Amino acid sequence: MPIYEYKCNSCEDTFEIMQSMSAKDLTSCKLCNEEDIRKIIHPVGSIYKGNGFYSTEYRSDSYKKDAEKAKSA
């Protein structure tokens, strides 16, 4: 089960809860019981593996620049 992070707009408390993906979002803060909370969404990096994807596509720009320097030397 995924862990979701919520933040209360009233008391500024941030807390995490383990919920199933089909569960409804929480509506009240665990600390102050106000109904003014929101779910915090964090970006997630994805790396695709398998045929058609190359590991070199995910290298940093600095790595690519150093590789070009080494290739020309």
C-alpha atoms as a PDB file:
ATOM      1  CA  MET A   1       0.000   0.000   0.000  1.00  0.00           C
ATOM      2  CA  PRO A   2       1.283   3.472  -0.813  1.00  0.00           C
ATOM      3  CA  ILE A   3       2.045   6.107   1.791  1.00  0.00           C
ATOM      4  CA  TYR A   4       0.371   9.481   1.219  1.00  0.00           C
ATOM      5  CA  GLU A   5       1.389  12.800   2.725  1.00  0.00           C
ATOM      6  CA  TYR A   6      -1.175  15.361   3.869  1.00  0.00           C
ATOM      7  CA  LYS A   7      -0.791  18.923   5.131  1.00  0.00           C
ATOM      8  CA  CYS A   8      -3.259  20.839   7.278  1.00  0.00           C
ATOM      9  CA  ASN A   9      -3.799  24.438   6.190  1.00  0.00           C
ATOM     10  CA  SER A  10      -5.024  25.427   9.667  1.00  0.00           C
ATOM     11  CA  CYS A  11      -2.277  24.164  11.985  1.00  0.00           C
ATOM     12  CA  GLU A  12       0.440  23.578   9.309  1.00  0.00           C
ATOM     13  CA  ASP A  13       0.895  19.974  10.512  1.00  0.00           C
ATOM     14  CA  THR A  14       2.229  17.500   7.947  1.00  0.00           C
ATOM     15  CA  PHE A  15       1.571  13.789   8.361  1.00  0.00           C
ATOM     16  CA  GLU A  16       1.785  10.560   6.404  1.00  0.00           C
ATOM     17  CA  ILE A  17      -0.738   7.751   6.248  1.00  0.00           C
ATOM     18  CA  MET A  18      -0.720   4.364   4.552  1.00  0.00           C
ATOM     19  CA  GLN A  19      -3.864   3.988   2.433  1.00  0.00           C
ATOM     20  CA  SER A  20      -4.968   1.773  -0.408  1.00  0.00           C
ATOM     21  CA  MET A  21      -5.166   3.480  -3.770  1.00  0.00           C
ATOM     22  CA  SER A  22      -8.940   3.066  -3.839  1.00  0.00           C
ATOM     23  CA  ALA A  23      -9.461   4.650  -0.392  1.00  0.00           C
ATOM     24  CA  LYS A  24     -11.032   8.101  -0.199  1.00  0.00           C
ATOM     25  CA  ASP A  25      -8.825  11.064   0.692  1.00  0.00           C
ATOM     26  CA  LEU A  26      -8.773  12.148   4.316  1.00  0.00           C
ATOM     27  CA  THR A  27     -10.970  15.123   5.149  1.00  0.00           C
ATOM     28  CA  SER A  28      -9.845  16.173   8.638  1.00  0.00           C
ATOM     29  CA  CYS A  29      -6.522  16.817  10.349  1.00  0.00           C
ATOM     30  CA  LYS A  30      -5.319  14.248  12.894  1.00  0.00           C
ATOM     31  CA  LEU A  31      -3.955  16.978  15.182  1.00  0.00           C
ATOM     32  CA  CYS A  32      -6.541  19.783  15.212  1.00  0.00           C
ATOM     33  CA  ASN A  33      -9.544  17.978  13.605  1.00  0.00           C
ATOM     34  CA  GLU A  34     -10.110  20.864  11.158  1.00  0.00           C
ATOM     35  CA  GLU A  35     -11.451  19.913   7.737  1.00  0.00           C
ATOM     36  CA  ASP A  36      -8.870  21.957   5.874  1.00  0.00           C
ATOM     37  CA  ILE A  37      -6.235  19.453   4.668  1.00  0.00           C
ATOM     38  CA  ARG A  38      -4.782  18.678   1.285  1.00  0.00           C
ATOM     39  CA  LYS A  39      -2.843  15.780  -0.185  1.00  0.00           C
ATOM     40  CA  ILE A  40       0.731  16.613  -1.160  1.00  0.00           C
ATOM     41  CA  ILE A  41       1.806  15.168  -4.499  1.00  0.00           C
ATOM     42  CA  HIS A  42       5.527  14.586  -5.083  1.00  0.00           C
ATOM     43  CA  PRO A  43       7.031  14.142  -8.549  1.00  0.00           C
ATOM     44  CA  VAL A  44       8.512  10.739  -9.264  1.00  0.00           C
ATOM     45  CA  GLY A  45      11.345  10.023 -11.670  1.00  0.00           C
ATOM     46  CA  SER A  46      10.807   7.201 -14.138  1.00  0.00           C
ATOM     47  CA  ILE A  47      13.390   5.052 -15.855  1.00  0.00           C
ATOM     48  CA  TYR A  48      12.160   2.887 -18.696  1.00  0.00           C
ATOM     49  CA  LYS A  49      13.848  -0.446 -19.257  1.00  0.00           C
ATOM     50  CA  GLY A  50      13.562  -2.942 -22.052  1.00  0.00           C
ATOM     51  CA  ASN A  51      14.068  -3.061 -25.788  1.00  0.00           C
ATOM     52  CA  GLY A  52      14.076   0.372 -27.418  1.00  0.00           C
ATOM     53  CA  PHE A  53      15.356   2.265 -24.385  1.00  0.00           C
ATOM     54  CA  TYR A  54      19.020   2.998 -23.820  1.00  0.00           C
ATOM     55  CA  SER A  55      20.662   3.641 -20.457  1.00  0.00           C
ATOM     56  CA  THR A  56      22.700   6.432 -22.021  1.00  0.00           C
ATOM     57  CA  GLU A  57      19.510   8.470 -22.561  1.00  0.00           C
ATOM     58  CA  TYR A  58      19.328   9.085 -18.817  1.00  0.00           C
ATOM     59  CA  ARG A  59      22.880  10.317 -18.292  1.00  0.00           C
ATOM     60  CA  SER A  60      23.492  13.835 -16.992  1.00  0.00           C
ATOM     61  CA  ASP A  61      24.629  16.664 -19.254  1.00  0.00           C
ATOM     62  CA  SER A  62      27.980  16.884 -17.451  1.00  0.00           C
ATOM     63  CA  TYR A  63      28.611  13.182 -18.119  1.00  0.00           C
ATOM     64  CA  LYS A  64      27.813  13.640 -21.806  1.00  0.00           C
ATOM     65  CA  LYS A  65      30.171  16.648 -22.070  1.00  0.00           C
ATOM     66  CA  ASP A  66      33.014  14.735 -20.377  1.00  0.00           C
ATOM     67  CA  ALA A  67      32.426  11.758 -22.675  1.00  0.00           C
ATOM     68  CA  GLU A  68      32.663  14.026 -25.750  1.00  0.00           C
ATOM     69  CA  LYS A  69      35.936  15.516 -24.451  1.00  0.00           C
ATOM     70  CA  ALA A  70      37.400  12.064 -23.860  1.00  0.00           C
ATOM     71  CA  LYS A  71      36.270  10.884 -27.295  1.00  0.00           C
ATOM     72  CA  SER A  72      37.941  13.825 -29.106  1.00  0.00           C
ATOM     73  CA  ALA A  73      41.193  13.551 -27.113  1.00  0.00           C
END
